[in-house]
Amino acid sequence: MSLPTTPSGTQDVLVRRDGEVLVVTINRPDQRNAVNGAVSAAISSAMQELDASPELRVAVLHGAGTTFCAGMDLKAFAAGEVVRDPERGFAGLVERPPAKPLIAAVEGWALGGGFEIVLACDLVTAGAGARFGLPEVKRGLAARGGGVFRLPRRLPHMLSMELLMTGAPLEAERAASFGLVNRLVGDGEALTAALTLAREIAANAPMSVRASKRVAVESVDWPLEECFDRQREYLEPVFGSADAAEGVAAFRERRDPVWTDR
């Protein structure tokens, strides 16, 4: 199902629908897209829209201008502003990402909390000049927006420890070599690559995609001997769904399936 592109959101965050894809833009290029309270609230609202709307299948998050996100707005924080969302945490998603897939399209720096946003996403596209870093230790802080535990799950242990304890940046090409980036493209092309990837996902059965994401995320700490039993709660409804029957029928009839999410 294709919907018209409809912009919404606030000045700091722009939200638009591109068919079945929700495109969310952090729109503070003069502040390197640093996250303040308004940004966290607006992204949280967008994630709620994503999960609540049956027409939406996947979201893409990116930053306006040449920087993905420089992390927390330190001026807002110093002024006493609450920069995290009470429901979803920093940037409106790091503590409670959406149930549907979320793709980060990274150009330039994803720094501090900006990198933690990336780590909370399911897939990443990046321009060749993108840089990722958690420099909190250089400022007497720590990456409490998920960085200290998500990074070691995304990268080899020794590399993760080096990045966490030195605060040194990681270049996009090296990040891609370790699997942190799904699509490494030319500078300025990350959003286009993310939209292409999003449409590939949106073409699949939505119930299957959501269930697959949930098991992939939640099974990280499941004991191996319990995995098959525990996944049944999420995957058995998929096999008994109308969309499963439609998928088989479409394959036999050599046509595109028409998903109903039932």
C-alpha atoms as a PDB file:
ATOM      1  CA  MET A   1       0.000   0.000   0.000  1.00  0.00           C
ATOM      2  CA  SER A   2       1.435   3.383  -0.987  1.00  0.00           C
ATOM      3  CA  LEU A   3       0.540   6.505   0.932  1.00  0.00           C
ATOM      4  CA  PRO A   4       1.166  10.103  -0.061  1.00  0.00           C
ATOM      5  CA  THR A   5       4.153  11.820   1.476  1.00  0.00           C
ATOM      6  CA  THR A   6       2.828  13.875   4.395  1.00  0.00           C
ATOM      7  CA  PRO A   7       5.172  16.015   6.515  1.00  0.00           C
ATOM      8  CA  SER A   8       4.554  16.559  10.222  1.00  0.00           C
ATOM      9  CA  GLY A   9       6.528  16.905  13.443  1.00  0.00           C
ATOM     10  CA  THR A  10       8.179  19.963  14.946  1.00  0.00           C
ATOM     11  CA  GLN A  11      10.836  22.362  13.731  1.00  0.00           C
ATOM     12  CA  ASP A  12      13.517  20.328  15.525  1.00  0.00           C
ATOM     13  CA  VAL A  13      12.318  16.994  14.123  1.00  0.00           C
ATOM     14  CA  LEU A  14      10.640  16.504  10.757  1.00  0.00           C
ATOM     15  CA  VAL A  15       8.462  13.450  10.154  1.00  0.00           C
ATOM     16  CA  ARG A  16       7.069  12.337   6.824  1.00  0.00           C
ATOM     17  CA  ARG A  17       5.524   9.234   5.333  1.00  0.00           C
ATOM     18  CA  ASP A  18       7.023   7.837   2.171  1.00  0.00           C
ATOM     19  CA  GLY A  19       4.635   5.030   1.334  1.00  0.00           C
ATOM     20  CA  GLU A  20       5.087   2.413   4.025  1.00  0.00           C
ATOM     21  CA  VAL A  21       8.266   4.061   5.337  1.00  0.00           C
ATOM     22  CA  LEU A  22       8.338   6.689   8.089  1.00  0.00           C
ATOM     23  CA  VAL A  23      11.219   9.122   7.559  1.00  0.00           C
ATOM     24  CA  VAL A  24      12.359  10.952  10.705  1.00  0.00           C
ATOM     25  CA  THR A  25      14.838  13.831  10.398  1.00  0.00           C
ATOM     26  CA  ILE A  26      16.641  15.460  13.319  1.00  0.00           C
ATOM     27  CA  ASN A  27      16.519  19.025  12.065  1.00  0.00           C
ATOM     28  CA  ARG A  28      19.043  21.034  14.085  1.00  0.00           C
ATOM     29  CA  PRO A  29      21.995  21.254  11.683  1.00  0.00           C
ATOM     30  CA  ASP A  30      23.296  24.462  13.275  1.00  0.00           C
ATOM     31  CA  GLN A  31      23.643  22.528  16.554  1.00  0.00           C
ATOM     32  CA  ARG A  32      25.004  19.425  14.774  1.00  0.00           C
ATOM     33  CA  ASN A  33      21.619  17.808  15.463  1.00  0.00           C
ATOM     34  CA  ALA A  34      22.302  17.641  19.200  1.00  0.00           C
ATOM     35  CA  VAL A  35      19.421  16.173  21.186  1.00  0.00           C
ATOM     36  CA  ASN A  36      17.420  18.391  23.515  1.00  0.00           C
ATOM     37  CA  GLY A  37      14.104  17.709  25.212  1.00  0.00           C
ATOM     38  CA  ALA A  38      12.055  18.673  22.170  1.00  0.00           C
ATOM     39  CA  VAL A  39      13.991  16.255  19.953  1.00  0.00           C
ATOM     40  CA  SER A  40      13.530  13.375  22.392  1.00  0.00           C
ATOM     41  CA  ALA A  41       9.800  14.072  22.689  1.00  0.00           C
ATOM     42  CA  ALA A  42       9.302  14.332  18.938  1.00  0.00           C
ATOM     43  CA  ILE A  43      11.216  11.148  18.122  1.00  0.00           C
ATOM     44  CA  SER A  44       9.298   9.310  20.839  1.00  0.00           C
ATOM     45  CA  SER A  45       6.058  10.471  19.224  1.00  0.00           C
ATOM     46  CA  ALA A  46       7.300   9.322  15.823  1.00  0.00           C
ATOM     47  CA  MET A  47       8.174   5.861  17.179  1.00  0.00           C
ATOM     48  CA  GLN A  48       4.679   5.643  18.647  1.00  0.00           C
ATOM     49  CA  GLU A  49       3.224   6.569  15.253  1.00  0.00           C
ATOM     50  CA  LEU A  50       5.373   3.921  13.581  1.00  0.00           C
ATOM     51  CA  ASP A  51       4.210   1.104  15.836  1.00  0.00           C
ATOM     52  CA  ALA A  52       0.569   2.225  15.983  1.00  0.00           C
ATOM     53  CA  SER A  53      -0.019   2.722  12.268  1.00  0.00           C
ATOM     54  CA  PRO A  54      -0.922  -0.410  10.285  1.00  0.00           C
ATOM     55  CA  GLU A  55       0.185   1.342   7.083  1.00  0.00           C
ATOM     56  CA  LEU A  56       3.766   1.834   8.289  1.00  0.00           C
ATOM     57  CA  ARG A  57       6.240  -1.038   8.117  1.00  0.00           C
ATOM     58  CA  VAL A  58       9.685   0.475   8.840  1.00  0.00           C
ATOM     59  CA  ALA A  59      11.327   3.798   9.754  1.00  0.00           C
ATOM     60  CA  VAL A  60      14.474   5.616   8.670  1.00  0.00           C
ATOM     61  CA  LEU A  61      16.194   8.062  11.028  1.00  0.00           C
ATOM     62  CA  HIS A  62      18.773  10.577   9.832  1.00  0.00           C
ATOM     63  CA  GLY A  63      20.150  14.029  10.555  1.00  0.00           C
ATOM     64  CA  ALA A  64      19.786  17.185   8.490  1.00  0.00           C
ATOM     65  CA  GLY A  65      22.985  18.609   7.041  1.00  0.00           C
ATOM     66  CA  THR A  66      26.392  16.985   7.316  1.00  0.00           C
ATOM     67  CA  THR A  67      26.178  15.506  10.829  1.00  0.00           C
ATOM     68  CA  PHE A  68      23.992  12.602  11.931  1.00  0.00           C
ATOM     69  CA  CYS A  69      23.932  13.618  15.608  1.00  0.00           C
ATOM     70  CA  ALA A  70      26.524  15.045  18.002  1.00  0.00           C
ATOM     71  CA  GLY A  71      24.780  13.548  21.022  1.00  0.00           C
ATOM     72  CA  MET A  72      23.215  15.367  23.948  1.00  0.00           C
ATOM     73  CA  ASP A  73      22.741  19.119  23.752  1.00  0.00           C
ATOM     74  CA  LEU A  74      25.142  20.041  26.551  1.00  0.00           C
ATOM     75  CA  LYS A  75      23.906  23.628  26.705  1.00  0.00           C
ATOM     76  CA  ALA A  76      20.349  22.433  27.274  1.00  0.00           C
ATOM     77  CA  PHE A  77      21.554  19.928  29.864  1.00  0.00           C
ATOM     78  CA  ALA A  78      23.626  22.559  31.687  1.00  0.00           C
ATOM     79  CA  ALA A  79      20.591  24.838  31.755  1.00  0.00           C
ATOM     80  CA  GLY A  80      18.653  22.161  33.618  1.00  0.00           C
ATOM     81  CA  GLU A  81      16.561  20.945  30.701  1.00  0.00           C
ATOM     82  CA  VAL A  82      15.384  17.328  30.837  1.00  0.00           C
ATOM     83  CA  VAL A  83      16.700  15.967  27.568  1.00  0.00           C
ATOM     84  CA  ARG A  84      15.388  12.398  27.845  1.00  0.00           C
ATOM     85  CA  ASP A  85      11.866  11.222  27.155  1.00  0.00           C
ATOM     86  CA  PRO A  86      10.181   9.698  30.237  1.00  0.00           C
ATOM     87  CA  GLU A  87       8.827   6.750  28.229  1.00  0.00           C
ATOM     88  CA  ARG A  88      11.614   5.912  25.786  1.00  0.00           C
ATOM     89  CA  GLY A  89      14.717   7.573  27.217  1.00  0.00           C
ATOM     90  CA  PHE A  90      17.357   9.628  25.429  1.00  0.00           C
ATOM     91  CA  ALA A  91      16.409  10.658  21.888  1.00  0.00           C
ATOM     92  CA  GLY A  92      12.996   9.099  22.395  1.00  0.00           C
ATOM     93  CA  LEU A  93      14.154   5.572  21.580  1.00  0.00           C
ATOM     94  CA  VAL A  94      17.348   4.238  23.233  1.00  0.00           C
ATOM     95  CA  GLU A  95      15.531   2.659  26.188  1.00  0.00           C
ATOM     96  CA  ARG A  96      12.535   1.481  24.192  1.00  0.00           C
ATOM     97  CA  PRO A  97      13.144   1.085  20.468  1.00  0.00           C
ATOM     98  CA  PRO A  98      10.125   0.486  18.237  1.00  0.00           C
ATOM     99  CA  ALA A  99       8.740  -2.990  17.586  1.00  0.00           C
ATOM    100  CA  LYS A 100       9.070  -2.375  13.853  1.00  0.00           C
ATOM    101  CA  PRO A 101      12.450  -2.104  12.103  1.00  0.00           C
ATOM    102  CA  LEU A 102      14.416   1.137  12.398  1.00  0.00           C
ATOM    103  CA  ILE A 103      17.275   2.094  10.079  1.00  0.00           C
ATOM    104  CA  ALA A 104      19.881   4.761  10.859  1.00  0.00           C
ATOM    105  CA  ALA A 105      21.188   6.687   7.842  1.00  0.00           C
ATOM    106  CA  VAL A 106      24.482   8.206   8.978  1.00  0.00           C
ATOM    107  CA  GLU A 107      26.419  11.043   7.401  1.00  0.00           C
ATOM    108  CA  GLY A 108      29.317  12.698   9.207  1.00  0.00           C
ATOM    109  CA  TRP A 109      29.570  12.287  12.959  1.00  0.00           C
ATOM    110  CA  ALA A 110      27.473   9.979  15.127  1.00  0.00           C
ATOM    111  CA  LEU A 111      29.022  11.047  18.393  1.00  0.00           C
ATOM    112  CA  GLY A 112      28.230  10.160  21.998  1.00  0.00           C
ATOM    113  CA  GLY A 113      24.477   9.906  22.273  1.00  0.00           C
ATOM    114  CA  GLY A 114      24.345  10.067  18.482  1.00  0.00           C
ATOM    115  CA  PHE A 115      26.258   6.791  18.315  1.00  0.00           C
ATOM    116  CA  GLU A 116      23.974   5.368  20.993  1.00  0.00           C
ATOM    117  CA  ILE A 117      21.016   6.191  18.753  1.00  0.00           C
ATOM    118  CA  VAL A 118      22.703   4.226  15.962  1.00  0.00           C
ATOM    119  CA  LEU A 119      23.303   1.292  18.303  1.00  0.00           C
ATOM    120  CA  ALA A 120      19.599   1.257  19.213  1.00  0.00           C
ATOM    121  CA  CYS A 121      18.654   0.896  15.535  1.00  0.00           C
ATOM    122  CA  ASP A 122      18.335  -2.415  13.694  1.00  0.00           C
ATOM    123  CA  LEU A 123      20.248  -1.568  10.531  1.00  0.00           C
ATOM    124  CA  VAL A 124      22.719   1.135   9.498  1.00  0.00           C
ATOM    125  CA  THR A 125      23.658   2.788   6.234  1.00  0.00           C
ATOM    126  CA  ALA A 126      26.577   5.186   6.213  1.00  0.00           C
ATOM    127  CA  GLY A 127      28.403   7.574   3.940  1.00  0.00           C
ATOM    128  CA  ALA A 128      32.100   6.883   3.483  1.00  0.00           C
ATOM    129  CA  GLY A 129      33.026   9.872   5.623  1.00  0.00           C
ATOM    130  CA  ALA A 130      30.864   8.871   8.584  1.00  0.00           C
ATOM    131  CA  ARG A 131      32.504   8.599  11.995  1.00  0.00           C
ATOM    132  CA  PHE A 132      31.241   6.880  15.139  1.00  0.00           C
ATOM    133  CA  GLY A 133      32.448   7.562  18.660  1.00  0.00           C
ATOM    134  CA  LEU A 134      31.700   7.463  22.380  1.00  0.00           C
ATOM    135  CA  PRO A 135      33.935  10.210  23.833  1.00  0.00           C
ATOM    136  CA  GLU A 136      32.156  10.420  27.191  1.00  0.00           C
ATOM    137  CA  VAL A 137      35.234   9.303  29.150  1.00  0.00           C
ATOM    138  CA  LYS A 138      37.077  12.362  27.836  1.00  0.00           C
ATOM    139  CA  ARG A 139      34.480  14.536  29.574  1.00  0.00           C
ATOM    140  CA  GLY A 140      34.267  12.699  32.873  1.00  0.00           C
ATOM    141  CA  LEU A 141      31.043  10.971  31.830  1.00  0.00           C
ATOM    142  CA  ALA A 142      29.989   7.512  30.620  1.00  0.00           C
ATOM    143  CA  ALA A 143      27.883   6.247  27.720  1.00  0.00           C
ATOM    144  CA  ARG A 144      24.755   5.581  29.756  1.00  0.00           C
ATOM    145  CA  GLY A 145      22.380   5.724  26.766  1.00  0.00           C
ATOM    146  CA  GLY A 146      23.066   2.073  25.969  1.00  0.00           C
ATOM    147  CA  GLY A 147      26.568   2.480  24.577  1.00  0.00           C
ATOM    148  CA  VAL A 148      28.424   0.569  27.290  1.00  0.00           C
ATOM    149  CA  PHE A 149      26.367  -2.592  26.806  1.00  0.00           C
ATOM    150  CA  ARG A 150      25.187  -2.367  23.182  1.00  0.00           C
ATOM    151  CA  LEU A 151      28.605  -1.679  21.678  1.00  0.00           C
ATOM    152  CA  PRO A 152      30.153  -4.976  22.901  1.00  0.00           C
ATOM    153  CA  ARG A 153      27.185  -6.775  21.345  1.00  0.00           C
ATOM    154  CA  ARG A 154      27.837  -5.167  17.967  1.00  0.00           C
ATOM    155  CA  LEU A 155      31.647  -5.249  17.782  1.00  0.00           C
ATOM    156  CA  PRO A 156      34.444  -7.577  18.972  1.00  0.00           C
ATOM    157  CA  HIS A 157      35.172  -7.260  22.672  1.00  0.00           C
ATOM    158  CA  MET A 158      38.677  -5.823  22.389  1.00  0.00           C
ATOM    159  CA  LEU A 159      37.657  -3.190  19.867  1.00  0.00           C
ATOM    160  CA  SER A 160      34.623  -2.241  21.951  1.00  0.00           C
ATOM    161  CA  MET A 161      36.770  -1.847  25.050  1.00  0.00           C
ATOM    162  CA  GLU A 162      39.228   0.327  23.146  1.00  0.00           C
ATOM    163  CA  LEU A 163      36.472   2.629  21.885  1.00  0.00           C
ATOM    164  CA  LEU A 164      34.777   2.844  25.290  1.00  0.00           C
ATOM    165  CA  MET A 165      37.939   3.489  27.308  1.00  0.00           C
ATOM    166  CA  THR A 166      39.831   5.778  24.911  1.00  0.00           C
ATOM    167  CA  GLY A 167      36.887   7.662  23.414  1.00  0.00           C
ATOM    168  CA  ALA A 168      38.562   7.317  20.004  1.00  0.00           C
ATOM    169  CA  PRO A 169      36.401   7.473  16.862  1.00  0.00           C
ATOM    170  CA  LEU A 170      35.699   4.616  14.467  1.00  0.00           C
ATOM    171  CA  GLU A 171      35.721   5.301  10.745  1.00  0.00           C
ATOM    172  CA  ALA A 172      32.843   4.075   8.581  1.00  0.00           C
ATOM    173  CA  GLU A 173      34.951   1.715   6.477  1.00  0.00           C
ATOM    174  CA  ARG A 174      36.349  -0.035   9.537  1.00  0.00           C
ATOM    175  CA  ALA A 175      32.892  -0.114  11.142  1.00  0.00           C
ATOM    176  CA  ALA A 176      31.540  -1.785   8.017  1.00  0.00           C
ATOM    177  CA  SER A 177      34.360  -4.343   8.057  1.00  0.00           C
ATOM    178  CA  PHE A 178      33.165  -5.475  11.497  1.00  0.00           C
ATOM    179  CA  GLY A 179      29.498  -5.611  10.436  1.00  0.00           C
ATOM    180  CA  LEU A 180      28.323  -2.457  12.179  1.00  0.00           C
ATOM    181  CA  VAL A 181      27.234  -0.910   8.857  1.00  0.00           C
ATOM    182  CA  ASN A 182      24.909  -2.734   6.452  1.00  0.00           C
ATOM    183  CA  ARG A 183      25.475  -0.467   3.452  1.00  0.00           C
ATOM    184  CA  LEU A 184      28.586   1.683   3.037  1.00  0.00           C
ATOM    185  CA  VAL A 185      27.965   4.237   0.286  1.00  0.00           C
ATOM    186  CA  GLY A 186      29.339   7.501  -1.018  1.00  0.00           C
ATOM    187  CA  ASP A 187      28.969  10.621   1.092  1.00  0.00           C
ATOM    188  CA  GLY A 188      25.484  12.057   0.748  1.00  0.00           C
ATOM    189  CA  GLU A 189      23.965   8.717  -0.264  1.00  0.00           C
ATOM    190  CA  ALA A 190      23.173   7.174   3.129  1.00  0.00           C
ATOM    191  CA  LEU A 191      19.532   8.263   3.156  1.00  0.00           C
ATOM    192  CA  THR A 192      18.907   6.932  -0.356  1.00  0.00           C
ATOM    193  CA  ALA A 193      20.511   3.618   0.605  1.00  0.00           C
ATOM    194  CA  ALA A 194      18.415   3.467   3.783  1.00  0.00           C
ATOM    195  CA  LEU A 195      15.188   4.076   1.867  1.00  0.00           C
ATOM    196  CA  THR A 196      16.079   1.326  -0.582  1.00  0.00           C
ATOM    197  CA  LEU A 197      16.736  -1.054   2.303  1.00  0.00           C
ATOM    198  CA  ALA A 198      13.522   0.052   4.015  1.00  0.00           C
ATOM    199  CA  ARG A 199      11.453  -0.719   0.934  1.00  0.00           C
ATOM    200  CA  GLU A 200      12.986  -4.192   0.723  1.00  0.00           C
ATOM    201  CA  ILE A 201      11.856  -4.803   4.306  1.00  0.00           C
ATOM    202  CA  ALA A 202       8.426  -3.248   3.735  1.00  0.00           C
ATOM    203  CA  ALA A 203       7.788  -5.671   0.873  1.00  0.00           C
ATOM    204  CA  ASN A 204       7.816  -8.589   3.319  1.00  0.00           C
ATOM    205  CA  ALA A 205       5.076  -9.845   5.620  1.00  0.00           C
ATOM    206  CA  PRO A 206       4.861  -7.336   8.501  1.00  0.00           C
ATOM    207  CA  MET A 207       3.981  -9.920  11.147  1.00  0.00           C
ATOM    208  CA  SER A 208       6.947 -12.050  10.107  1.00  0.00           C
ATOM    209  CA  VAL A 209       9.305  -9.074  10.238  1.00  0.00           C
ATOM    210  CA  ARG A 210       8.141  -7.937  13.686  1.00  0.00           C
ATOM    211  CA  ALA A 211       8.312 -11.434  15.156  1.00  0.00           C
ATOM    212  CA  SER A 212      11.767 -12.038  13.679  1.00  0.00           C
ATOM    213  CA  LYS A 213      13.042  -8.777  15.137  1.00  0.00           C
ATOM    214  CA  ARG A 214      11.592  -9.547  18.553  1.00  0.00           C
ATOM    215  CA  VAL A 215      13.178 -12.985  18.788  1.00  0.00           C
ATOM    216  CA  ALA A 216      16.512 -11.709  17.460  1.00  0.00           C
ATOM    217  CA  VAL A 217      16.590  -8.960  20.091  1.00  0.00           C
ATOM    218  CA  GLU A 218      15.203 -10.833  23.081  1.00  0.00           C
ATOM    219  CA  SER A 219      17.070 -14.123  22.542  1.00  0.00           C
ATOM    220  CA  VAL A 220      20.494 -12.584  23.220  1.00  0.00           C
ATOM    221  CA  ASP A 221      20.488 -13.862  26.790  1.00  0.00           C
ATOM    222  CA  TRP A 222      18.308 -16.962  26.334  1.00  0.00           C
ATOM    223  CA  PRO A 223      20.007 -20.236  27.310  1.00  0.00           C
ATOM    224  CA  LEU A 224      20.610 -22.236  24.138  1.00  0.00           C
ATOM    225  CA  GLU A 225      18.604 -25.194  25.393  1.00  0.00           C
ATOM    226  CA  GLU A 226      15.548 -22.944  25.866  1.00  0.00           C
ATOM    227  CA  CYS A 227      15.636 -21.075  22.543  1.00  0.00           C
ATOM    228  CA  PHE A 228      13.294 -23.321  20.564  1.00  0.00           C
ATOM    229  CA  ASP A 229      10.697 -23.413  23.333  1.00  0.00           C
ATOM    230  CA  ARG A 230      10.846 -19.672  23.978  1.00  0.00           C
ATOM    231  CA  GLN A 231      10.618 -18.633  20.347  1.00  0.00           C
ATOM    232  CA  ARG A 232       7.353 -20.521  19.864  1.00  0.00           C
ATOM    233  CA  GLU A 233       5.350 -17.800  21.626  1.00  0.00           C
ATOM    234  CA  TYR A 234       6.371 -15.332  18.915  1.00  0.00           C
ATOM    235  CA  LEU A 235       6.757 -17.482  15.819  1.00  0.00           C
ATOM    236  CA  GLU A 236       3.875 -19.966  16.005  1.00  0.00           C
ATOM    237  CA  PRO A 237       1.275 -17.212  15.404  1.00  0.00           C
ATOM    238  CA  VAL A 238       3.187 -16.284  12.247  1.00  0.00           C
ATOM    239  CA  PHE A 239       2.857 -19.792  10.820  1.00  0.00           C
ATOM    240  CA  GLY A 240      -0.864 -19.846  11.603  1.00  0.00           C
ATOM    241  CA  SER A 241      -1.549 -16.440  10.082  1.00  0.00           C
ATOM    242  CA  ALA A 242      -3.496 -15.467   6.980  1.00  0.00           C
ATOM    243  CA  ASP A 243      -0.312 -13.904   5.643  1.00  0.00           C
ATOM    244  CA  ALA A 244       1.475 -17.266   5.841  1.00  0.00           C
ATOM    245  CA  ALA A 245      -1.241 -18.795   3.677  1.00  0.00           C
ATOM    246  CA  GLU A 246      -1.058 -15.807   1.328  1.00  0.00           C
ATOM    247  CA  GLY A 247       2.705 -16.141   1.025  1.00  0.00           C
ATOM    248  CA  VAL A 248       2.438 -19.783  -0.017  1.00  0.00           C
ATOM    249  CA  ALA A 249      -0.410 -19.023  -2.437  1.00  0.00           C
ATOM    250  CA  ALA A 250       1.502 -16.145  -4.023  1.00  0.00           C
ATOM    251  CA  PHE A 251       4.568 -18.342  -4.462  1.00  0.00           C
ATOM    252  CA  ARG A 252       2.530 -21.070  -6.167  1.00  0.00           C
ATOM    253  CA  GLU A 253       0.720 -18.577  -8.380  1.00  0.00           C
ATOM    254  CA  ARG A 254       3.922 -16.696  -9.225  1.00  0.00           C
ATOM    255  CA  ARG A 255       2.589 -13.323  -8.116  1.00  0.00           C
ATOM    256  CA  ASP A 256       3.417 -10.709  -5.509  1.00  0.00           C
ATOM    257  CA  PRO A 257       1.767 -11.382  -2.150  1.00  0.00           C
ATOM    258  CA  VAL A 258      -0.829  -9.009  -0.719  1.00  0.00           C
ATOM    259  CA  TRP A 259      -0.174  -8.784   3.012  1.00  0.00           C
ATOM    260  CA  THR A 260      -2.970  -8.037   5.497  1.00  0.00           C
ATOM    261  CA  ASP A 261      -0.932  -8.342   8.711  1.00  0.00           C
ATOM    262  CA  ARG A 262      -3.326 -10.976   9.980  1.00  0.00           C
END
